[in-house]
PDB file of N, CA and C in Angstrom:
ATOM      1  N   MET A   1       1.719  -1.607   0.836  1.00  0.00           N
ATOM      2  CA  MET A   1       1.522  -0.708   1.993  1.00  0.00           C
ATOM      3  C   MET A   1       0.437   0.406   1.609  1.00  0.00           C
ATOM      4  N   PHE A   2      -0.619   0.498   2.461  1.00  0.00           N
ATOM      5  CA  PHE A   2      -1.499   1.510   2.243  1.00  0.00           C
ATOM      6  C   PHE A   2      -1.981   2.135   3.434  1.00  0.00           C
ATOM      7  N   GLY A   3      -1.936   3.389   3.272  1.00  0.00           N
ATOM      8  CA  GLY A   3      -2.438   4.195   4.601  1.00  0.00           C
ATOM      9  C   GLY A   3      -3.611   5.377   4.256  1.00  0.00           C
ATOM     10  N   VAL A   4      -3.940   5.890   5.475  1.00  0.00           N
ATOM     11  CA  VAL A   4      -5.133   6.802   5.180  1.00  0.00           C
ATOM     12  C   VAL A   4      -4.305   7.956   6.178  1.00  0.00           C
ATOM     13  N   ALA A   5      -4.632   8.929   5.389  1.00  0.00           N
ATOM     14  CA  ALA A   5      -4.253  10.251   6.075  1.00  0.00           C
ATOM     15  C   ALA A   5      -5.491  11.224   6.283  1.00  0.00           C
ATOM     16  N   ASP A   6      -5.154  11.945   7.231  1.00  0.00           N
ATOM     17  CA  ASP A   6      -6.380  13.169   7.516  1.00  0.00           C
ATOM     18  C   ASP A   6      -5.619  14.298   7.931  1.00  0.00           C
ATOM     19  N   SER A   7      -5.740  15.566   7.074  1.00  0.00           N
ATOM     20  CA  SER A   7      -5.133  16.581   7.438  1.00  0.00           C
ATOM     21  C   SER A   7      -3.596  16.728   6.931  1.00  0.00           C
ATOM     22  N   GLY A   8      -3.130  15.664   6.408  1.00  0.00           N
ATOM     23  CA  GLY A   8      -1.673  15.762   6.053  1.00  0.00           C
ATOM     24  C   GLY A   8      -1.094  14.854   7.090  1.00  0.00           C
ATOM     25  N   GLU A   9      -1.781  14.126   7.924  1.00  0.00           N
ATOM     26  CA  GLU A   9      -1.190  13.170   9.203  1.00  0.00           C
ATOM     27  C   GLU A   9      -1.428  11.693   8.760  1.00  0.00           C
ATOM     28  N   LEU A  10      -0.748  10.783   8.841  1.00  0.00           N
ATOM     29  CA  LEU A  10      -1.212   9.467   8.435  1.00  0.00           C
ATOM     30  C   LEU A  10      -1.740   9.083   9.839  1.00  0.00           C
ATOM     31  N   GLN A  11      -2.877   8.236  10.033  1.00  0.00           N
ATOM     32  CA  GLN A  11      -3.806   7.972  10.728  1.00  0.00           C
ATOM     33  C   GLN A  11      -3.825   6.610  10.867  1.00  0.00           C
ATOM     34  N   ALA A  12      -4.043   5.898   9.719  1.00  0.00           N
ATOM     35  CA  ALA A  12      -3.719   4.162   9.765  1.00  0.00           C
ATOM     36  C   ALA A  12      -3.039   3.745   8.752  1.00  0.00           C
ATOM     37  N   VAL A  13      -2.220   2.563   8.775  1.00  0.00           N
ATOM     38  CA  VAL A  13      -1.570   1.716   7.966  1.00  0.00           C
ATOM     39  C   VAL A  13      -2.034   0.238   7.911  1.00  0.00           C
ATOM     40  N   MET A  14      -1.897  -0.230   6.639  1.00  0.00           N
ATOM     41  CA  MET A  14      -1.734  -1.857   6.557  1.00  0.00           C
ATOM     42  C   MET A  14      -0.597  -2.303   5.303  1.00  0.00           C
ATOM     43  N   ALA A  15      -0.211  -3.345   5.525  1.00  0.00           N
ATOM     44  CA  ALA A  15       0.922  -3.931   4.973  1.00  0.00           C
ATOM     45  C   ALA A  15       0.292  -5.380   4.478  1.00  0.00           C
ATOM     46  N   LEU A  16       0.291  -5.385   3.153  1.00  0.00           N
ATOM     47  CA  LEU A  16      -0.171  -6.660   2.578  1.00  0.00           C
ATOM     48  C   LEU A  16       0.868  -7.332   1.834  1.00  0.00           C
ATOM     49  N   THR A  17       0.385  -8.645   1.397  1.00  0.00           N
ATOM     50  CA  THR A  17       1.246  -9.286   0.521  1.00  0.00           C
ATOM     51  C   THR A  17       0.211  -9.983  -0.292  1.00  0.00           C
ATOM     52  N   PRO A  18       0.232  -9.757  -1.788  1.00  0.00           N
ATOM     53  CA  PRO A  18      -0.768 -10.282  -2.846  1.00  0.00           C
ATOM     54  C   PRO A  18      -0.231 -11.834  -3.036  1.00  0.00           C
ATOM     55  N   PRO A  19      -1.282 -12.447  -3.516  1.00  0.00           N
ATOM     56  CA  PRO A  19      -0.969 -13.904  -3.879  1.00  0.00           C
ATOM     57  C   PRO A  19       0.334 -14.138  -4.736  1.00  0.00           C
ATOM     58  N   GLY A  20       1.175 -15.185  -4.680  1.00  0.00           N
ATOM     59  CA  GLY A  20       2.169 -15.496  -5.410  1.00  0.00           C
ATOM     60  C   GLY A  20       3.346 -14.730  -4.846  1.00  0.00           C
ATOM     61  N   VAL A  21       3.564 -13.926  -4.065  1.00  0.00           N
ATOM     62  CA  VAL A  21       4.556 -13.303  -3.437  1.00  0.00           C
ATOM     63  C   VAL A  21       4.972 -13.909  -2.384  1.00  0.00           C
ATOM     64  N   ASP A  22       5.950 -14.634  -2.214  1.00  0.00           N
ATOM     65  CA  ASP A  22       6.498 -15.467  -1.169  1.00  0.00           C
ATOM     66  C   ASP A  22       7.805 -15.052  -0.401  1.00  0.00           C
ATOM     67  N   GLU A  23       8.468 -13.987  -0.914  1.00  0.00           N
ATOM     68  CA  GLU A  23       9.676 -13.433  -0.466  1.00  0.00           C
ATOM     69  C   GLU A  23       9.568 -11.971   0.054  1.00  0.00           C
ATOM     70  N   TRP A  24      10.053 -11.690   1.151  1.00  0.00           N
ATOM     71  CA  TRP A  24      10.106 -10.529   1.642  1.00  0.00           C
ATOM     72  C   TRP A  24      10.929  -9.682   0.896  1.00  0.00           C
ATOM     73  N   ALA A  25      10.904  -8.197   0.987  1.00  0.00           N
ATOM     74  CA  ALA A  25      11.536  -7.480   0.471  1.00  0.00           C
ATOM     75  C   ALA A  25      12.776  -6.998   0.950  1.00  0.00           C
ATOM     76  N   PRO A  26      13.819  -6.807   0.460  1.00  0.00           N
ATOM     77  CA  PRO A  26      15.164  -6.904   1.135  1.00  0.00           C
ATOM     78  C   PRO A  26      15.034  -5.827   2.310  1.00  0.00           C
ATOM     79  N   SER A  27      14.163  -4.867   2.303  1.00  0.00           N
ATOM     80  CA  SER A  27      14.313  -3.852   3.462  1.00  0.00           C
ATOM     81  C   SER A  27      13.535  -4.596   4.660  1.00  0.00           C
ATOM     82  N   LEU A  28      12.730  -5.266   4.417  1.00  0.00           N
ATOM     83  CA  LEU A  28      12.042  -6.291   5.522  1.00  0.00           C
ATOM     84  C   LEU A  28      13.091  -7.050   6.086  1.00  0.00           C
ATOM     85  N   VAL A  29      13.582  -7.705   5.282  1.00  0.00           N
ATOM     86  CA  VAL A  29      14.579  -8.877   5.586  1.00  0.00           C
ATOM     87  C   VAL A  29      15.659  -8.404   6.640  1.00  0.00           C
ATOM     88  N   GLU A  30      16.228  -6.904   6.224  1.00  0.00           N
ATOM     89  CA  GLU A  30      16.894  -6.183   7.116  1.00  0.00           C
ATOM     90  C   GLU A  30      16.358  -5.803   8.436  1.00  0.00           C
ATOM     91  N   SER A  31      15.082  -5.406   8.201  1.00  0.00           N
ATOM     92  CA  SER A  31      14.479  -5.186   9.656  1.00  0.00           C
ATOM     93  C   SER A  31      14.282  -6.193  10.427  1.00  0.00           C
ATOM     94  N   TYR A  32      13.929  -7.285   9.906  1.00  0.00           N
ATOM     95  CA  TYR A  32      13.620  -8.568  10.722  1.00  0.00           C
ATOM     96  C   TYR A  32      15.205  -9.149  11.478  1.00  0.00           C
ATOM     97  N   GLN A  33      16.247  -8.643  10.660  1.00  0.00           N
ATOM     98  CA  GLN A  33      17.552  -9.349  11.120  1.00  0.00           C
ATOM     99  C   GLN A  33      18.134  -8.157  12.500  1.00  0.00           C
ATOM    100  N   GLU A  34      17.483  -6.935  12.155  1.00  0.00           N
ATOM    101  CA  GLU A  34      17.803  -5.837  13.211  1.00  0.00           C
ATOM    102  C   GLU A  34      16.845  -6.323  14.461  1.00  0.00           C
ATOM    103  N   LEU A  35      15.731  -6.688  14.211  1.00  0.00           N
ATOM    104  CA  LEU A  35      14.629  -7.329  15.508  1.00  0.00           C
ATOM    105  C   LEU A  35      15.218  -8.345  15.995  1.00  0.00           C
ATOM    106  N   GLN A  36      16.150  -9.355  15.116  1.00  0.00           N
ATOM    107  CA  GLN A  36      16.321 -10.596  15.891  1.00  0.00           C
ATOM    108  C   GLN A  36      17.686 -10.123  16.832  1.00  0.00           C
ATOM    109  N   GLN A  37      18.500  -9.404  16.419  1.00  0.00           N
ATOM    110  CA  GLN A  37      19.707  -8.765  17.155  1.00  0.00           C
ATOM    111  C   GLN A  37      19.148  -7.976  18.458  1.00  0.00           C
ATOM    112  N   ILE A  38      18.172  -7.535  18.186  1.00  0.00           N
ATOM    113  CA  ILE A  38      17.392  -6.667  19.552  1.00  0.00           C
ATOM    114  C   ILE A  38      17.014  -7.700  20.581  1.00  0.00           C
ATOM    115  N   MET A  39      16.170  -8.647  20.099  1.00  0.00           N
ATOM    116  CA  MET A  39      15.521 -10.027  20.644  1.00  0.00           C
ATOM    117  C   MET A  39      16.669 -10.639  21.365  1.00  0.00           C
ATOM    118  N   GLY A  40      17.959 -10.968  20.590  1.00  0.00           N
ATOM    119  CA  GLY A  40      18.730 -11.814  21.284  1.00  0.00           C
ATOM    120  C   GLY A  40      18.829 -13.365  20.758  1.00  0.00           C
ATOM    121  N   PRO A  41      19.743 -13.920  20.785  1.00  0.00           N
ATOM    122  CA  PRO A  41      19.601 -15.272  20.453  1.00  0.00           C
ATOM    123  C   PRO A  41      18.893 -16.299  21.033  1.00  0.00           C
ATOM    124  N   GLU A  42      18.545 -16.214  22.277  1.00  0.00           N
ATOM    125  CA  GLU A  42      17.571 -17.031  23.108  1.00  0.00           C
ATOM    126  C   GLU A  42      16.102 -16.733  22.699  1.00  0.00           C
ATOM    127  N   ALA A  43      15.710 -15.630  22.412  1.00  0.00           N
ATOM    128  CA  ALA A  43      14.336 -15.257  22.274  1.00  0.00           C
ATOM    129  C   ALA A  43      13.954 -15.799  20.630  1.00  0.00           C
ATOM    130  N   VAL A  44      15.179 -15.353  20.053  1.00  0.00           N
ATOM    131  CA  VAL A  44      14.891 -15.800  18.503  1.00  0.00           C
ATOM    132  C   VAL A  44      14.787 -17.537  18.571  1.00  0.00           C
ATOM    133  N   VAL A  45      15.412 -18.289  19.367  1.00  0.00           N
ATOM    134  CA  VAL A  45      15.284 -19.581  18.926  1.00  0.00           C
ATOM    135  C   VAL A  45      13.938 -19.907  19.842  1.00  0.00           C
ATOM    136  N   ARG A  46      13.339 -19.188  20.835  1.00  0.00           N
ATOM    137  CA  ARG A  46      12.054 -19.503  21.347  1.00  0.00           C
ATOM    138  C   ARG A  46      10.904 -19.086  20.519  1.00  0.00           C
ATOM    139  N   PHE A  47      11.339 -18.210  19.656  1.00  0.00           N
ATOM    140  CA  PHE A  47      10.198 -17.312  18.711  1.00  0.00           C
ATOM    141  C   PHE A  47      10.020 -18.236  17.360  1.00  0.00           C
ATOM    142  N   ALA A  48      10.955 -19.265  16.897  1.00  0.00           N
ATOM    143  CA  ALA A  48      10.999 -19.880  15.794  1.00  0.00           C
ATOM    144  C   ALA A  48       9.961 -20.749  15.880  1.00  0.00           C
ATOM    145  N   PRO A  49       9.491 -21.802  16.829  1.00  0.00           N
ATOM    146  CA  PRO A  49       8.550 -22.542  16.549  1.00  0.00           C
ATOM    147  C   PRO A  49       7.415 -22.105  16.309  1.00  0.00           C
ATOM    148  N   TYR A  50       7.035 -20.831  17.015  1.00  0.00           N
ATOM    149  CA  TYR A  50       5.892 -20.110  16.922  1.00  0.00           C
ATOM    150  C   TYR A  50       5.851 -19.617  15.289  1.00  0.00           C
ATOM    151  N   GLY A  51       6.746 -19.226  14.791  1.00  0.00           N
ATOM    152  CA  GLY A  51       6.705 -18.777  13.307  1.00  0.00           C
ATOM    153  C   GLY A  51       6.329 -19.834  12.440  1.00  0.00           C
ATOM    154  N   GLU A  52       6.856 -20.901  12.839  1.00  0.00           N
ATOM    155  CA  GLU A  52       6.649 -22.160  12.066  1.00  0.00           C
ATOM    156  C   GLU A  52       5.180 -22.796  12.200  1.00  0.00           C
ATOM    157  N   TRP A  53       4.627 -22.591  13.319  1.00  0.00           N
ATOM    158  CA  TRP A  53       3.423 -22.845  13.750  1.00  0.00           C
ATOM    159  C   TRP A  53       2.328 -22.072  12.809  1.00  0.00           C
ATOM    160  N   VAL A  54       2.762 -20.610  12.683  1.00  0.00           N
ATOM    161  CA  VAL A  54       1.870 -19.664  12.178  1.00  0.00           C
ATOM    162  C   VAL A  54       1.897 -20.101  10.716  1.00  0.00           C
ATOM    163  N   GLU A  55       2.889 -20.469  10.059  1.00  0.00           N
ATOM    164  CA  GLU A  55       3.016 -20.664   8.654  1.00  0.00           C
ATOM    165  C   GLU A  55       1.966 -22.029   8.257  1.00  0.00           C
ATOM    166  N   ALA A  56       2.207 -23.043   9.145  1.00  0.00           N
ATOM    167  CA  ALA A  56       1.395 -23.734   9.223  1.00  0.00           C
ATOM    168  C   ALA A  56      -0.068 -23.923   8.898  1.00  0.00           C
ATOM    169  N   GLN A  57      -0.461 -22.917   9.529  1.00  0.00           N
ATOM    170  CA  GLN A  57      -2.074 -22.319   9.663  1.00  0.00           C
ATOM    171  C   GLN A  57      -2.276 -21.914   8.452  1.00  0.00           C
ATOM    172  N   ARG A  58      -1.642 -21.139   7.769  1.00  0.00           N
ATOM    173  CA  ARG A  58      -1.999 -20.299   6.512  1.00  0.00           C
ATOM    174  C   ARG A  58      -2.794 -20.822   5.585  1.00  0.00           C
ATOM    175  N   PRO A  59      -3.684 -20.286   4.773  1.00  0.00           N
ATOM    176  CA  PRO A  59      -4.419 -21.173   3.856  1.00  0.00           C
ATOM    177  C   PRO A  59      -3.329 -21.284   2.723  1.00  0.00           C
ATOM    178  N   LYS A  60      -3.723 -22.528   1.985  1.00  0.00           N
ATOM    179  CA  LYS A  60      -2.843 -23.202   1.041  1.00  0.00           C
ATOM    180  C   LYS A  60      -3.242 -22.590  -0.077  1.00  0.00           C
ATOM    181  N   ASP A  61      -4.304 -21.822  -0.487  1.00  0.00           N
ATOM    182  CA  ASP A  61      -4.629 -21.360  -1.890  1.00  0.00           C
ATOM    183  C   ASP A  61      -4.196 -19.887  -1.912  1.00  0.00           C
ATOM    184  N   PRO A  62      -4.025 -19.558  -3.117  1.00  0.00           N
ATOM    185  CA  PRO A  62      -3.635 -18.103  -3.291  1.00  0.00           C
ATOM    186  C   PRO A  62      -4.422 -17.099  -2.566  1.00  0.00           C
ATOM    187  N   HIS A  63      -4.013 -16.163  -1.950  1.00  0.00           N
ATOM    188  CA  HIS A  63      -4.562 -15.190  -1.087  1.00  0.00           C
ATOM    189  C   HIS A  63      -4.068 -13.988  -0.893  1.00  0.00           C
ATOM    190  N   TYR A  64      -4.529 -12.926  -0.129  1.00  0.00           N
ATOM    191  CA  TYR A  64      -3.834 -11.723   0.006  1.00  0.00           C
ATOM    192  C   TYR A  64      -3.513 -12.038   1.767  1.00  0.00           C
ATOM    193  N   TYR A  65      -2.307 -11.679   1.919  1.00  0.00           N
ATOM    194  CA  TYR A  65      -2.084 -11.793   3.285  1.00  0.00           C
ATOM    195  C   TYR A  65      -1.933 -10.235   3.982  1.00  0.00           C
ATOM    196  N   LEU A  66      -2.851 -10.140   5.232  1.00  0.00           N
ATOM    197  CA  LEU A  66      -2.707  -8.929   5.916  1.00  0.00           C
ATOM    198  C   LEU A  66      -1.554  -9.017   6.978  1.00  0.00           C
ATOM    199  N   GLY A  67      -0.529  -8.376   6.724  1.00  0.00           N
ATOM    200  CA  GLY A  67       0.723  -8.635   7.813  1.00  0.00           C
ATOM    201  C   GLY A  67       0.479  -7.672   9.099  1.00  0.00           C
ATOM    202  N   ILE A  68       0.094  -6.567   8.545  1.00  0.00           N
ATOM    203  CA  ILE A  68       0.068  -5.352   9.776  1.00  0.00           C
ATOM    204  C   ILE A  68      -1.217  -4.537   9.591  1.00  0.00           C
ATOM    205  N   ILE A  69      -1.912  -4.030  10.443  1.00  0.00           N
ATOM    206  CA  ILE A  69      -2.877  -3.123  10.068  1.00  0.00           C
ATOM    207  C   ILE A  69      -2.894  -2.529  11.780  1.00  0.00           C
ATOM    208  N   GLY A  70      -3.064  -1.076  11.197  1.00  0.00           N
ATOM    209  CA  GLY A  70      -2.914  -0.409  12.616  1.00  0.00           C
ATOM    210  C   GLY A  70      -3.387   1.044  12.447  1.00  0.00           C
ATOM    211  N   THR A  71      -3.781   1.668  13.546  1.00  0.00           N
ATOM    212  CA  THR A  71      -4.559   3.075  13.548  1.00  0.00           C
ATOM    213  C   THR A  71      -4.167   3.840  14.756  1.00  0.00           C
ATOM    214  N   SER A  72      -3.679   4.931  14.609  1.00  0.00           N
ATOM    215  CA  SER A  72      -3.053   5.811  15.384  1.00  0.00           C
ATOM    216  C   SER A  72      -3.957   5.875  16.952  1.00  0.00           C
ATOM    217  N   THR A  73      -3.857   5.951  17.974  1.00  0.00           N
ATOM    218  CA  THR A  73      -4.719   5.936  19.190  1.00  0.00           C
ATOM    219  C   THR A  73      -5.810   7.232  18.826  1.00  0.00           C
ATOM    220  N   ALA A  74      -5.199   8.113  18.631  1.00  0.00           N
ATOM    221  CA  ALA A  74      -6.360   9.322  18.164  1.00  0.00           C
ATOM    222  C   ALA A  74      -7.215   9.231  17.141  1.00  0.00           C
ATOM    223  N   ALA A  75      -6.893   8.374  16.279  1.00  0.00           N
ATOM    224  CA  ALA A  75      -7.744   8.190  15.291  1.00  0.00           C
ATOM    225  C   ALA A  75      -8.673   6.820  15.431  1.00  0.00           C
ATOM    226  N   GLN A  76      -8.609   6.112  16.461  1.00  0.00           N
ATOM    227  CA  GLN A  76      -9.353   4.881  16.533  1.00  0.00           C
ATOM    228  C   GLN A  76     -10.682   5.319  16.701  1.00  0.00           C
ATOM    229  N   GLY A  77     -11.741   4.431  15.876  1.00  0.00           N
ATOM    230  CA  GLY A  77     -13.091   4.550  15.994  1.00  0.00           C
ATOM    231  C   GLY A  77     -13.571   5.603  14.962  1.00  0.00           C
ATOM    232  N   LYS A  78     -12.801   6.030  14.080  1.00  0.00           N
ATOM    233  CA  LYS A  78     -13.160   7.080  13.097  1.00  0.00           C
ATOM    234  C   LYS A  78     -13.414   6.389  11.665  1.00  0.00           C
ATOM    235  N   GLY A  79     -13.206   4.985  11.708  1.00  0.00           N
ATOM    236  CA  GLY A  79     -13.315   4.164  10.430  1.00  0.00           C
ATOM    237  C   GLY A  79     -12.315   4.195   9.511  1.00  0.00           C
ATOM    238  N   TYR A  80     -11.209   4.400   9.943  1.00  0.00           N
ATOM    239  CA  TYR A  80     -10.041   4.426   9.199  1.00  0.00           C
ATOM    240  C   TYR A  80      -9.252   2.869   8.786  1.00  0.00           C
ATOM    241  N   GLY A  81      -9.600   2.207   9.905  1.00  0.00           N
ATOM    242  CA  GLY A  81      -9.027   0.873   9.552  1.00  0.00           C
ATOM    243  C   GLY A  81     -10.239   0.231   8.771  1.00  0.00           C
ATOM    244  N   ARG A  82     -11.620   0.320   9.135  1.00  0.00           N
ATOM    245  CA  ARG A  82     -12.525  -0.133   7.990  1.00  0.00           C
ATOM    246  C   ARG A  82     -12.145   0.239   6.511  1.00  0.00           C
ATOM    247  N   MET A  83     -11.816   1.649   6.501  1.00  0.00           N
ATOM    248  CA  MET A  83     -11.580   1.893   4.731  1.00  0.00           C
ATOM    249  C   MET A  83     -10.286   1.100   4.340  1.00  0.00           C
ATOM    250  N   LEU A  84      -9.366   0.709   5.133  1.00  0.00           N
ATOM    251  CA  LEU A  84      -8.212  -0.129   4.639  1.00  0.00           C
ATOM    252  C   LEU A  84      -8.606  -1.445   4.302  1.00  0.00           C
ATOM    253  N   LEU A  85      -9.587  -2.113   5.451  1.00  0.00           N
ATOM    254  CA  LEU A  85     -10.005  -3.415   5.278  1.00  0.00           C
ATOM    255  C   LEU A  85     -10.881  -3.556   3.996  1.00  0.00           C
ATOM    256  N   ASP A  86     -11.795  -2.598   3.712  1.00  0.00           N
ATOM    257  CA  ASP A  86     -12.693  -2.728   2.527  1.00  0.00           C
ATOM    258  C   ASP A  86     -11.653  -2.381   1.195  1.00  0.00           C
ATOM    259  N   ARG A  87     -10.507  -1.671   1.349  1.00  0.00           N
ATOM    260  CA  ARG A  87      -9.661  -1.753   0.004  1.00  0.00           C
ATOM    261  C   ARG A  87      -8.928  -2.997  -0.048  1.00  0.00           C
ATOM    262  N   LEU A  88      -8.640  -3.675   0.844  1.00  0.00           N
ATOM    263  CA  LEU A  88      -8.267  -4.819   1.104  1.00  0.00           C
ATOM    264  C   LEU A  88      -8.994  -5.980   0.262  1.00  0.00           C
ATOM    265  N   HIS A  89     -10.345  -6.093   0.704  1.00  0.00           N
ATOM    266  CA  HIS A  89     -11.134  -7.046   0.278  1.00  0.00           C
ATOM    267  C   HIS A  89     -11.611  -6.451  -1.405  1.00  0.00           C
ATOM    268  N   GLU A  90     -11.347  -5.204  -1.638  1.00  0.00           N
ATOM    269  CA  GLU A  90     -11.682  -4.947  -3.146  1.00  0.00           C
ATOM    270  C   GLU A  90     -10.573  -5.357  -3.993  1.00  0.00           C
ATOM    271  N   LEU A  91      -9.300  -5.449  -3.488  1.00  0.00           N
ATOM    272  CA  LEU A  91      -8.247  -5.831  -4.225  1.00  0.00           C
ATOM    273  C   LEU A  91      -8.170  -7.246  -4.372  1.00  0.00           C
ATOM    274  N   SER A  92      -8.456  -8.127  -3.451  1.00  0.00           N
ATOM    275  CA  SER A  92      -8.537  -9.590  -3.511  1.00  0.00           C
ATOM    276  C   SER A  92      -9.958  -9.957  -4.372  1.00  0.00           C
ATOM    277  N   GLU A  93     -11.100  -9.430  -4.300  1.00  0.00           N
ATOM    278  CA  GLU A  93     -11.904  -9.734  -5.167  1.00  0.00           C
ATOM    279  C   GLU A  93     -11.844  -9.411  -6.403  1.00  0.00           C
ATOM    280  N   GLY A  94     -10.865  -8.446  -6.679  1.00  0.00           N
ATOM    281  CA  GLY A  94     -10.648  -8.190  -8.268  1.00  0.00           C
ATOM    282  C   GLY A  94      -9.768  -8.881  -8.661  1.00  0.00           C
ATOM    283  N   ASP A  95      -8.814  -9.636  -8.057  1.00  0.00           N
ATOM    284  CA  ASP A  95      -7.703 -10.277  -8.387  1.00  0.00           C
ATOM    285  C   ASP A  95      -7.917 -11.947  -8.444  1.00  0.00           C
ATOM    286  N   PHE A  96      -8.083 -12.225  -9.718  1.00  0.00           N
ATOM    287  CA  PHE A  96      -8.357 -13.790 -10.501  1.00  0.00           C
ATOM    288  C   PHE A  96      -7.810 -14.848  -9.517  1.00  0.00           C
ATOM    289  N   LEU A  97      -6.224 -14.575  -9.348  1.00  0.00           N
ATOM    290  CA  LEU A  97      -5.520 -15.153  -8.506  1.00  0.00           C
ATOM    291  C   LEU A  97      -5.836 -15.683  -7.327  1.00  0.00           C
ATOM    292  N   SER A  98      -6.552 -14.639  -6.272  1.00  0.00           N
ATOM    293  CA  SER A  98      -6.935 -14.623  -5.121  1.00  0.00           C
ATOM    294  C   SER A  98      -8.348 -15.475  -4.834  1.00  0.00           C
ATOM    295  N   ARG A  99      -8.168 -16.215  -3.583  1.00  0.00           N
ATOM    296  CA  ARG A  99      -9.142 -17.021  -3.127  1.00  0.00           C
ATOM    297  C   ARG A  99      -9.514 -16.550  -1.827  1.00  0.00           C
ATOM    298  N   GLY A 100      -9.134 -15.338  -1.586  1.00  0.00           N
ATOM    299  CA  GLY A 100      -9.575 -14.646  -0.446  1.00  0.00           C
ATOM    300  C   GLY A 100      -8.543 -13.898   0.593  1.00  0.00           C
ATOM    301  N   VAL A 101      -8.625 -13.446   1.967  1.00  0.00           N
ATOM    302  CA  VAL A 101      -7.595 -12.955   2.606  1.00  0.00           C
ATOM    303  C   VAL A 101      -7.513 -13.889   3.773  1.00  0.00           C
ATOM    304  N   GLY A 102      -6.226 -13.719   4.166  1.00  0.00           N
ATOM    305  CA  GLY A 102      -5.558 -14.543   5.298  1.00  0.00           C
ATOM    306  C   GLY A 102      -4.855 -13.207   6.314  1.00  0.00           C
ATOM    307  N   LEU A 103      -5.021 -13.784   7.717  1.00  0.00           N
ATOM    308  CA  LEU A 103      -3.998 -12.790   8.594  1.00  0.00           C
ATOM    309  C   LEU A 103      -3.950 -13.632   9.746  1.00  0.00           C
ATOM    310  N   ASP A 104      -3.056 -13.167  10.772  1.00  0.00           N
ATOM    311  CA  ASP A 104      -2.704 -13.920  11.916  1.00  0.00           C
ATOM    312  C   ASP A 104      -3.193 -12.933  12.981  1.00  0.00           C
ATOM    313  N   THR A 105      -3.960 -13.292  14.184  1.00  0.00           N
ATOM    314  CA  THR A 105      -4.201 -12.775  15.188  1.00  0.00           C
ATOM    315  C   THR A 105      -3.746 -13.432  16.649  1.00  0.00           C
ATOM    316  N   ASP A 106      -3.468 -12.835  17.691  1.00  0.00           N
ATOM    317  CA  ASP A 106      -3.206 -13.630  18.746  1.00  0.00           C
ATOM    318  C   ASP A 106      -4.536 -13.286  19.767  1.00  0.00           C
ATOM    319  N   SER A 107      -5.684 -12.901  19.243  1.00  0.00           N
ATOM    320  CA  SER A 107      -6.509 -12.168  20.327  1.00  0.00           C
ATOM    321  C   SER A 107      -7.944 -12.610  19.777  1.00  0.00           C
ATOM    322  N   GLU A 108      -8.791 -13.422  20.419  1.00  0.00           N
ATOM    323  CA  GLU A 108      -9.953 -13.977  20.131  1.00  0.00           C
ATOM    324  C   GLU A 108     -10.769 -12.843  19.855  1.00  0.00           C
ATOM    325  N   GLU A 109     -10.948 -11.751  20.542  1.00  0.00           N
ATOM    326  CA  GLU A 109     -11.651 -10.598  20.293  1.00  0.00           C
ATOM    327  C   GLU A 109     -11.429  -9.956  18.933  1.00  0.00           C
ATOM    328  N   ASN A 110     -10.262 -10.051  18.540  1.00  0.00           N
ATOM    329  CA  ASN A 110     -10.044  -9.360  17.144  1.00  0.00           C
ATOM    330  C   ASN A 110     -10.622 -10.122  15.713  1.00  0.00           C
ATOM    331  N   VAL A 111     -11.059 -11.505  16.276  1.00  0.00           N
ATOM    332  CA  VAL A 111     -11.766 -12.304  15.262  1.00  0.00           C
ATOM    333  C   VAL A 111     -12.865 -11.548  14.657  1.00  0.00           C
ATOM    334  N   SER A 112     -13.808 -11.169  15.556  1.00  0.00           N
ATOM    335  CA  SER A 112     -15.016 -10.463  15.069  1.00  0.00           C
ATOM    336  C   SER A 112     -14.723  -9.193  14.414  1.00  0.00           C
ATOM    337  N   LEU A 113     -13.426  -8.464  14.507  1.00  0.00           N
ATOM    338  CA  LEU A 113     -13.144  -7.366  13.679  1.00  0.00           C
ATOM    339  C   LEU A 113     -12.868  -7.649  12.149  1.00  0.00           C
ATOM    340  N   TYR A 114     -12.258  -8.738  12.208  1.00  0.00           N
ATOM    341  CA  TYR A 114     -11.803  -8.943  10.682  1.00  0.00           C
ATOM    342  C   TYR A 114     -12.634  -9.946   9.967  1.00  0.00           C
TER     343      TYR A 114
END
């Protein structure tokens, strides 16, 4: 997890997974289990094929995976997201195991951002 704060307030965050890490932290497993309970069994069953499809699209080479990036509404357009993405690229370029960065998006307009 990385974040950008301004005047002591968190403005933007990103969660990433480095190359070679294939398991979720226990806290994420618990959070996902809670989400599944909220979604209900029917939604979980419908969501499973999507998760499998996403996994099949991921690069096979070792890479940094950007799981989440977000900026508070008030902070959008101030460059905080760019700061986080620049940091991610620095990490990937400095890691001899990494062959790049991967992420998922459900919006064609997001492709140009990343």
